[in-house]
Amino acid sequence: MEIVDLHGVRHEDVTTIIIDACSRCEIPFVVITGKSSRMKRIVSFAAAKFKLSVRDTIDNPGRVIVVDDENFFEEN
């Protein structure tokens, strides 16, 4: 699974990075956000432009997974 690391990325740059990732990465992919709820909201908003969702990971609160709900629940 691909990983997009947002450590050190300014909030105003996150949307562009996630839009790029959504268009080039295989879904699902991991986004390292740190524990910032604002960063997670921005990632979620950007992913929604592609009709994708963001899920928290159970084992690491500093990561989220960008998923396609239709396929994610069928495969898992």
PDB file of N, CA and C in Angstrom:
ATOM      1  N   MET A   1       0.860  -1.172   0.000  1.00  0.00           N
ATOM      2  CA  MET A   1       0.000   0.000   0.000  1.00  0.00           C
ATOM      3  C   MET A   1       0.905   1.234   0.000  1.00  0.00           C
ATOM      4  N   GLU A   2       0.585   2.180  -0.862  1.00  0.00           N
ATOM      5  CA  GLU A   2       1.379   3.402  -0.941  1.00  0.00           C
ATOM      6  C   GLU A   2       1.151   4.286   0.268  1.00  0.00           C
ATOM      7  N   ILE A   3       2.156   5.103   0.574  1.00  0.00           N
ATOM      8  CA  ILE A   3       2.090   6.007   1.717  1.00  0.00           C
ATOM      9  C   ILE A   3       2.397   7.423   1.255  1.00  0.00           C
ATOM     10  N   VAL A   4       1.547   8.356   1.663  1.00  0.00           N
ATOM     11  CA  VAL A   4       1.772   9.778   1.439  1.00  0.00           C
ATOM     12  C   VAL A   4       2.060  10.390   2.805  1.00  0.00           C
ATOM     13  N   ASP A   5       3.240  10.944   2.962  1.00  0.00           N
ATOM     14  CA  ASP A   5       3.666  11.492   4.250  1.00  0.00           C
ATOM     15  C   ASP A   5       3.512  13.007   4.238  1.00  0.00           C
ATOM     16  N   LEU A   6       2.676  13.526   5.125  1.00  0.00           N
ATOM     17  CA  LEU A   6       2.418  14.962   5.189  1.00  0.00           C
ATOM     18  C   LEU A   6       3.184  15.659   6.302  1.00  0.00           C
ATOM     19  N   HIS A   7       4.108  14.959   6.949  1.00  0.00           N
ATOM     20  CA  HIS A   7       4.920  15.614   7.982  1.00  0.00           C
ATOM     21  C   HIS A   7       5.657  16.792   7.368  1.00  0.00           C
ATOM     22  N   GLY A   8       5.568  17.935   8.003  1.00  0.00           N
ATOM     23  CA  GLY A   8       6.262  19.124   7.538  1.00  0.00           C
ATOM     24  C   GLY A   8       5.560  19.872   6.416  1.00  0.00           C
ATOM     25  N   VAL A   9       4.419  19.367   5.959  1.00  0.00           N
ATOM     26  CA  VAL A   9       3.668  20.023   4.883  1.00  0.00           C
ATOM     27  C   VAL A   9       2.731  21.053   5.495  1.00  0.00           C
ATOM     28  N   ARG A  10       2.697  22.226   4.898  1.00  0.00           N
ATOM     29  CA  ARG A  10       1.802  23.283   5.380  1.00  0.00           C
ATOM     30  C   ARG A  10       0.355  22.935   5.031  1.00  0.00           C
ATOM     31  N   HIS A  11      -0.560  23.302   5.910  1.00  0.00           N
ATOM     32  CA  HIS A  11      -1.979  22.986   5.700  1.00  0.00           C
ATOM     33  C   HIS A  11      -2.475  23.451   4.337  1.00  0.00           C
ATOM     34  N   GLU A  12      -2.043  24.606   3.888  1.00  0.00           N
ATOM     35  CA  GLU A  12      -2.541  25.132   2.614  1.00  0.00           C
ATOM     36  C   GLU A  12      -2.036  24.344   1.406  1.00  0.00           C
ATOM     37  N   ASP A  13      -1.045  23.469   1.603  1.00  0.00           N
ATOM     38  CA  ASP A  13      -0.518  22.660   0.501  1.00  0.00           C
ATOM     39  C   ASP A  13      -1.102  21.249   0.458  1.00  0.00           C
ATOM     40  N   VAL A  14      -1.822  20.865   1.485  1.00  0.00           N
ATOM     41  CA  VAL A  14      -2.309  19.492   1.611  1.00  0.00           C
ATOM     42  C   VAL A  14      -3.311  19.132   0.516  1.00  0.00           C
ATOM     43  N   THR A  15      -4.235  19.999   0.202  1.00  0.00           N
ATOM     44  CA  THR A  15      -5.261  19.690  -0.803  1.00  0.00           C
ATOM     45  C   THR A  15      -4.621  19.313  -2.127  1.00  0.00           C
ATOM     46  N   THR A  16      -3.660  20.087  -2.580  1.00  0.00           N
ATOM     47  CA  THR A  16      -2.989  19.810  -3.850  1.00  0.00           C
ATOM     48  C   THR A  16      -2.285  18.460  -3.811  1.00  0.00           C
ATOM     49  N   ILE A  17      -1.615  18.158  -2.706  1.00  0.00           N
ATOM     50  CA  ILE A  17      -0.891  16.889  -2.578  1.00  0.00           C
ATOM     51  C   ILE A  17      -1.855  15.711  -2.599  1.00  0.00           C
ATOM     52  N   ILE A  18      -2.970  15.822  -1.885  1.00  0.00           N
ATOM     53  CA  ILE A  18      -3.924  14.711  -1.816  1.00  0.00           C
ATOM     54  C   ILE A  18      -4.665  14.539  -3.142  1.00  0.00           C
ATOM     55  N   ILE A  19      -5.004  15.615  -3.804  1.00  0.00           N
ATOM     56  CA  ILE A  19      -5.635  15.500  -5.123  1.00  0.00           C
ATOM     57  C   ILE A  19      -4.695  14.776  -6.083  1.00  0.00           C
ATOM     58  N   ASP A  20      -3.411  15.132  -6.038  1.00  0.00           N
ATOM     59  CA  ASP A  20      -2.426  14.436  -6.876  1.00  0.00           C
ATOM     60  C   ASP A  20      -2.354  12.958  -6.512  1.00  0.00           C
ATOM     61  N   ALA A  21      -2.312  12.655  -5.221  1.00  0.00           N
ATOM     62  CA  ALA A  21      -2.229  11.267  -4.774  1.00  0.00           C
ATOM     63  C   ALA A  21      -3.462  10.466  -5.191  1.00  0.00           C
ATOM     64  N   CYS A  22      -4.632  11.075  -5.088  1.00  0.00           N
ATOM     65  CA  CYS A  22      -5.872  10.384  -5.461  1.00  0.00           C
ATOM     66  C   CYS A  22      -5.891  10.059  -6.958  1.00  0.00           C
ATOM     67  N   SER A  23      -5.243  10.883  -7.744  1.00  0.00           N
ATOM     68  CA  SER A  23      -5.248  10.648  -9.188  1.00  0.00           C
ATOM     69  C   SER A  23      -4.159   9.677  -9.641  1.00  0.00           C
ATOM     70  N   ARG A  24      -3.117   9.473  -8.831  1.00  0.00           N
ATOM     71  CA  ARG A  24      -2.020   8.610  -9.286  1.00  0.00           C
ATOM     72  C   ARG A  24      -1.814   7.345  -8.451  1.00  0.00           C
ATOM     73  N   CYS A  25      -2.259   7.330  -7.211  1.00  0.00           N
ATOM     74  CA  CYS A  25      -2.031   6.177  -6.333  1.00  0.00           C
ATOM     75  C   CYS A  25      -3.132   5.144  -6.494  1.00  0.00           C
ATOM     76  N   GLU A  26      -2.769   3.900  -6.236  1.00  0.00           N
ATOM     77  CA  GLU A  26      -3.763   2.847  -6.195  1.00  0.00           C
ATOM     78  C   GLU A  26      -4.517   2.961  -4.867  1.00  0.00           C
ATOM     79  N   ILE A  27      -5.827   2.841  -4.941  1.00  0.00           N
ATOM     80  CA  ILE A  27      -6.688   2.946  -3.763  1.00  0.00           C
ATOM     81  C   ILE A  27      -6.834   1.557  -3.156  1.00  0.00           C
ATOM     82  N   PRO A  28      -6.726   1.351  -1.883  1.00  0.00           N
ATOM     83  CA  PRO A  28      -6.528   2.338  -0.827  1.00  0.00           C
ATOM     84  C   PRO A  28      -5.051   2.723  -0.684  1.00  0.00           C
ATOM     85  N   PHE A  29      -4.822   3.889  -0.063  1.00  0.00           N
ATOM     86  CA  PHE A  29      -3.470   4.296   0.290  1.00  0.00           C
ATOM     87  C   PHE A  29      -3.487   4.984   1.641  1.00  0.00           C
ATOM     88  N   VAL A  30      -2.327   5.006   2.283  1.00  0.00           N
ATOM     89  CA  VAL A  30      -2.178   5.553   3.631  1.00  0.00           C
ATOM     90  C   VAL A  30      -1.684   6.991   3.539  1.00  0.00           C
ATOM     91  N   VAL A  31      -2.218   7.834   4.415  1.00  0.00           N
ATOM     92  CA  VAL A  31      -1.733   9.206   4.532  1.00  0.00           C
ATOM     93  C   VAL A  31      -1.284   9.418   5.981  1.00  0.00           C
ATOM     94  N   ILE A  32      -0.029   9.797   6.137  1.00  0.00           N
ATOM     95  CA  ILE A  32       0.485  10.115   7.467  1.00  0.00           C
ATOM     96  C   ILE A  32       0.170  11.578   7.727  1.00  0.00           C
ATOM     97  N   THR A  33      -0.701  11.812   8.699  1.00  0.00           N
ATOM     98  CA  THR A  33      -1.184  13.159   8.985  1.00  0.00           C
ATOM     99  C   THR A  33      -0.646  13.710  10.295  1.00  0.00           C
ATOM    100  N   GLY A  34      -0.077  12.857  11.123  1.00  0.00           N
ATOM    101  CA  GLY A  34       0.158  13.255  12.496  1.00  0.00           C
ATOM    102  C   GLY A  34      -1.197  13.245  13.194  1.00  0.00           C
ATOM    103  N   LYS A  35      -1.260  13.737  14.389  1.00  0.00           N
ATOM    104  CA  LYS A  35      -2.521  13.696  15.144  1.00  0.00           C
ATOM    105  C   LYS A  35      -3.397  14.919  14.912  1.00  0.00           C
ATOM    106  N   SER A  36      -3.053  15.746  13.934  1.00  0.00           N
ATOM    107  CA  SER A  36      -3.779  16.977  13.654  1.00  0.00           C
ATOM    108  C   SER A  36      -5.169  16.695  13.078  1.00  0.00           C
ATOM    109  N   SER A  37      -6.198  17.065  13.820  1.00  0.00           N
ATOM    110  CA  SER A  37      -7.560  16.878  13.312  1.00  0.00           C
ATOM    111  C   SER A  37      -7.822  17.788  12.109  1.00  0.00           C
ATOM    112  N   ARG A  38      -7.197  18.952  12.093  1.00  0.00           N
ATOM    113  CA  ARG A  38      -7.351  19.857  10.944  1.00  0.00           C
ATOM    114  C   ARG A  38      -6.776  19.214   9.681  1.00  0.00           C
ATOM    115  N   MET A  39      -5.603  18.605   9.796  1.00  0.00           N
ATOM    116  CA  MET A  39      -4.970  17.945   8.653  1.00  0.00           C
ATOM    117  C   MET A  39      -5.852  16.815   8.144  1.00  0.00           C
ATOM    118  N   LYS A  40      -6.426  16.045   9.065  1.00  0.00           N
ATOM    119  CA  LYS A  40      -7.305  14.945   8.667  1.00  0.00           C
ATOM    120  C   LYS A  40      -8.550  15.453   7.948  1.00  0.00           C
ATOM    121  N   ARG A  41      -9.101  16.568   8.403  1.00  0.00           N
ATOM    122  CA  ARG A  41     -10.277  17.149   7.732  1.00  0.00           C
ATOM    123  C   ARG A  41      -9.926  17.598   6.318  1.00  0.00           C
ATOM    124  N   ILE A  42      -8.769  18.207   6.146  1.00  0.00           N
ATOM    125  CA  ILE A  42      -8.345  18.657   4.815  1.00  0.00           C
ATOM    126  C   ILE A  42      -8.163  17.455   3.888  1.00  0.00           C
ATOM    127  N   VAL A  43      -7.544  16.394   4.387  1.00  0.00           N
ATOM    128  CA  VAL A  43      -7.365  15.177   3.591  1.00  0.00           C
ATOM    129  C   VAL A  43      -8.723  14.611   3.191  1.00  0.00           C
ATOM    130  N   SER A  44      -9.649  14.572   4.123  1.00  0.00           N
ATOM    131  CA  SER A  44     -10.987  14.051   3.857  1.00  0.00           C
ATOM    132  C   SER A  44     -11.707  14.880   2.795  1.00  0.00           C
ATOM    133  N   PHE A  45     -11.613  16.184   2.899  1.00  0.00           N
ATOM    134  CA  PHE A  45     -12.256  17.079   1.930  1.00  0.00           C
ATOM    135  C   PHE A  45     -11.677  16.862   0.535  1.00  0.00           C
ATOM    136  N   ALA A  46     -10.354  16.765   0.438  1.00  0.00           N
ATOM    137  CA  ALA A  46      -9.708  16.573  -0.864  1.00  0.00           C
ATOM    138  C   ALA A  46     -10.071  15.214  -1.460  1.00  0.00           C
ATOM    139  N   ALA A  47     -10.088  14.169  -0.645  1.00  0.00           N
ATOM    140  CA  ALA A  47     -10.432  12.832  -1.128  1.00  0.00           C
ATOM    141  C   ALA A  47     -11.881  12.770  -1.606  1.00  0.00           C
ATOM    142  N   ALA A  48     -12.747  13.525  -0.961  1.00  0.00           N
ATOM    143  CA  ALA A  48     -14.166  13.538  -1.334  1.00  0.00           C
ATOM    144  C   ALA A  48     -14.373  14.049  -2.756  1.00  0.00           C
ATOM    145  N   LYS A  49     -13.464  14.852  -3.267  1.00  0.00           N
ATOM    146  CA  LYS A  49     -13.559  15.330  -4.658  1.00  0.00           C
ATOM    147  C   LYS A  49     -13.498  14.165  -5.640  1.00  0.00           C
ATOM    148  N   PHE A  50     -12.929  13.029  -5.197  1.00  0.00           N
ATOM    149  CA  PHE A  50     -12.836  11.825  -6.014  1.00  0.00           C
ATOM    150  C   PHE A  50     -13.840  10.765  -5.563  1.00  0.00           C
ATOM    151  N   LYS A  51     -14.790  11.172  -4.721  1.00  0.00           N
ATOM    152  CA  LYS A  51     -15.778  10.264  -4.139  1.00  0.00           C
ATOM    153  C   LYS A  51     -15.104   9.163  -3.328  1.00  0.00           C
ATOM    154  N   LEU A  52     -14.014   9.534  -2.646  1.00  0.00           N
ATOM    155  CA  LEU A  52     -13.296   8.623  -1.765  1.00  0.00           C
ATOM    156  C   LEU A  52     -13.513   9.061  -0.329  1.00  0.00           C
ATOM    157  N   SER A  53     -13.315   8.140   0.597  1.00  0.00           N
ATOM    158  CA  SER A  53     -13.493   8.421   2.019  1.00  0.00           C
ATOM    159  C   SER A  53     -12.178   8.235   2.758  1.00  0.00           C
ATOM    160  N   VAL A  54     -12.130   8.771   3.962  1.00  0.00           N
ATOM    161  CA  VAL A  54     -10.960   8.645   4.816  1.00  0.00           C
ATOM    162  C   VAL A  54     -11.373   7.892   6.074  1.00  0.00           C
ATOM    163  N   ARG A  55     -10.600   6.873   6.408  1.00  0.00           N
ATOM    164  CA  ARG A  55     -10.851   6.063   7.600  1.00  0.00           C
ATOM    165  C   ARG A  55      -9.660   6.169   8.536  1.00  0.00           C
ATOM    166  N   ASP A  56      -9.917   6.310   9.823  1.00  0.00           N
ATOM    167  CA  ASP A  56      -8.839   6.287  10.806  1.00  0.00           C
ATOM    168  C   ASP A  56      -8.286   4.874  10.897  1.00  0.00           C
ATOM    169  N   THR A  57      -6.997   4.782  11.170  1.00  0.00           N
ATOM    170  CA  THR A  57      -6.418   3.462  11.419  1.00  0.00           C
ATOM    171  C   THR A  57      -6.512   3.180  12.907  1.00  0.00           C
ATOM    172  N   ILE A  58      -6.737   1.958  13.251  1.00  0.00           N
ATOM    173  CA  ILE A  58      -6.906   1.574  14.653  1.00  0.00           C
ATOM    174  C   ILE A  58      -5.574   1.606  15.388  1.00  0.00           C
ATOM    175  N   ASP A  59      -4.520   1.162  14.720  1.00  0.00           N
ATOM    176  CA  ASP A  59      -3.229   0.987  15.380  1.00  0.00           C
ATOM    177  C   ASP A  59      -2.382   2.254  15.450  1.00  0.00           C
ATOM    178  N   ASN A  60      -2.736   3.308  14.697  1.00  0.00           N
ATOM    179  CA  ASN A  60      -1.903   4.506  14.671  1.00  0.00           C
ATOM    180  C   ASN A  60      -2.776   5.742  14.433  1.00  0.00           C
ATOM    181  N   PRO A  61      -3.009   6.568  15.459  1.00  0.00           N
ATOM    182  CA  PRO A  61      -3.874   7.741  15.299  1.00  0.00           C
ATOM    183  C   PRO A  61      -3.275   8.835  14.422  1.00  0.00           C
ATOM    184  N   GLY A  62      -2.027   8.683  14.007  1.00  0.00           N
ATOM    185  CA  GLY A  62      -1.384   9.661  13.138  1.00  0.00           C
ATOM    186  C   GLY A  62      -1.471   9.309  11.674  1.00  0.00           C
ATOM    187  N   ARG A  63      -2.288   8.317  11.348  1.00  0.00           N
ATOM    188  CA  ARG A  63      -2.459   7.870   9.967  1.00  0.00           C
ATOM    189  C   ARG A  63      -3.932   7.719   9.642  1.00  0.00           C
ATOM    190  N   VAL A  64      -4.251   7.931   8.379  1.00  0.00           N
ATOM    191  CA  VAL A  64      -5.582   7.617   7.868  1.00  0.00           C
ATOM    192  C   VAL A  64      -5.408   6.812   6.588  1.00  0.00           C
ATOM    193  N   ILE A  65      -6.465   6.151   6.188  1.00  0.00           N
ATOM    194  CA  ILE A  65      -6.460   5.398   4.933  1.00  0.00           C
ATOM    195  C   ILE A  65      -7.516   6.008   4.021  1.00  0.00           C
ATOM    196  N   VAL A  66      -7.125   6.308   2.802  1.00  0.00           N
ATOM    197  CA  VAL A  66      -8.056   6.801   1.794  1.00  0.00           C
ATOM    198  C   VAL A  66      -8.606   5.575   1.072  1.00  0.00           C
ATOM    199  N   VAL A  67      -9.924   5.442   1.080  1.00  0.00           N
ATOM    200  CA  VAL A  67     -10.580   4.249   0.541  1.00  0.00           C
ATOM    201  C   VAL A  67     -11.716   4.621  -0.394  1.00  0.00           C
ATOM    202  N   ASP A  68     -12.047   3.663  -1.237  1.00  0.00           N
ATOM    203  CA  ASP A  68     -13.251   3.718  -2.059  1.00  0.00           C
ATOM    204  C   ASP A  68     -14.256   2.848  -1.327  1.00  0.00           C
ATOM    205  N   ASP A  69     -15.244   3.449  -0.681  1.00  0.00           N
ATOM    206  CA  ASP A  69     -16.175   2.692   0.165  1.00  0.00           C
ATOM    207  C   ASP A  69     -16.832   1.529  -0.561  1.00  0.00           C
ATOM    208  N   GLU A  70     -17.179   1.726  -1.829  1.00  0.00           N
ATOM    209  CA  GLU A  70     -17.867   0.656  -2.559  1.00  0.00           C
ATOM    210  C   GLU A  70     -17.004  -0.591  -2.642  1.00  0.00           C
ATOM    211  N   ASN A  71     -15.727  -0.424  -2.912  1.00  0.00           N
ATOM    212  CA  ASN A  71     -14.833  -1.573  -3.050  1.00  0.00           C
ATOM    213  C   ASN A  71     -14.201  -1.983  -1.736  1.00  0.00           C
ATOM    214  N   PHE A  72     -14.007  -1.059  -0.838  1.00  0.00           N
ATOM    215  CA  PHE A  72     -13.324  -1.355   0.426  1.00  0.00           C
ATOM    216  C   PHE A  72     -14.082  -2.390   1.247  1.00  0.00           C
ATOM    217  N   PHE A  73     -15.368  -2.204   1.376  1.00  0.00           N
ATOM    218  CA  PHE A  73     -16.142  -3.112   2.217  1.00  0.00           C
ATOM    219  C   PHE A  73     -16.391  -4.448   1.551  1.00  0.00           C
ATOM    220  N   GLU A  74     -16.361  -4.512   0.227  1.00  0.00           N
ATOM    221  CA  GLU A  74     -16.514  -5.773  -0.465  1.00  0.00           C
ATOM    222  C   GLU A  74     -15.268  -6.638  -0.327  1.00  0.00           C
ATOM    223  N   GLU A  75     -14.077  -5.994  -0.326  1.00  0.00           N
ATOM    224  CA  GLU A  75     -12.822  -6.728  -0.280  1.00  0.00           C
ATOM    225  C   GLU A  75     -12.427  -7.125   1.139  1.00  0.00           C
ATOM    226  N   ASN A  76     -12.853  -6.354   2.146  1.00  0.00           N
ATOM    227  CA  ASN A  76     -12.401  -6.597   3.528  1.00  0.00           C
ATOM    228  C   ASN A  76     -13.481  -7.191   4.385  1.00  0.00           C
TER     229      ASN A  76
END
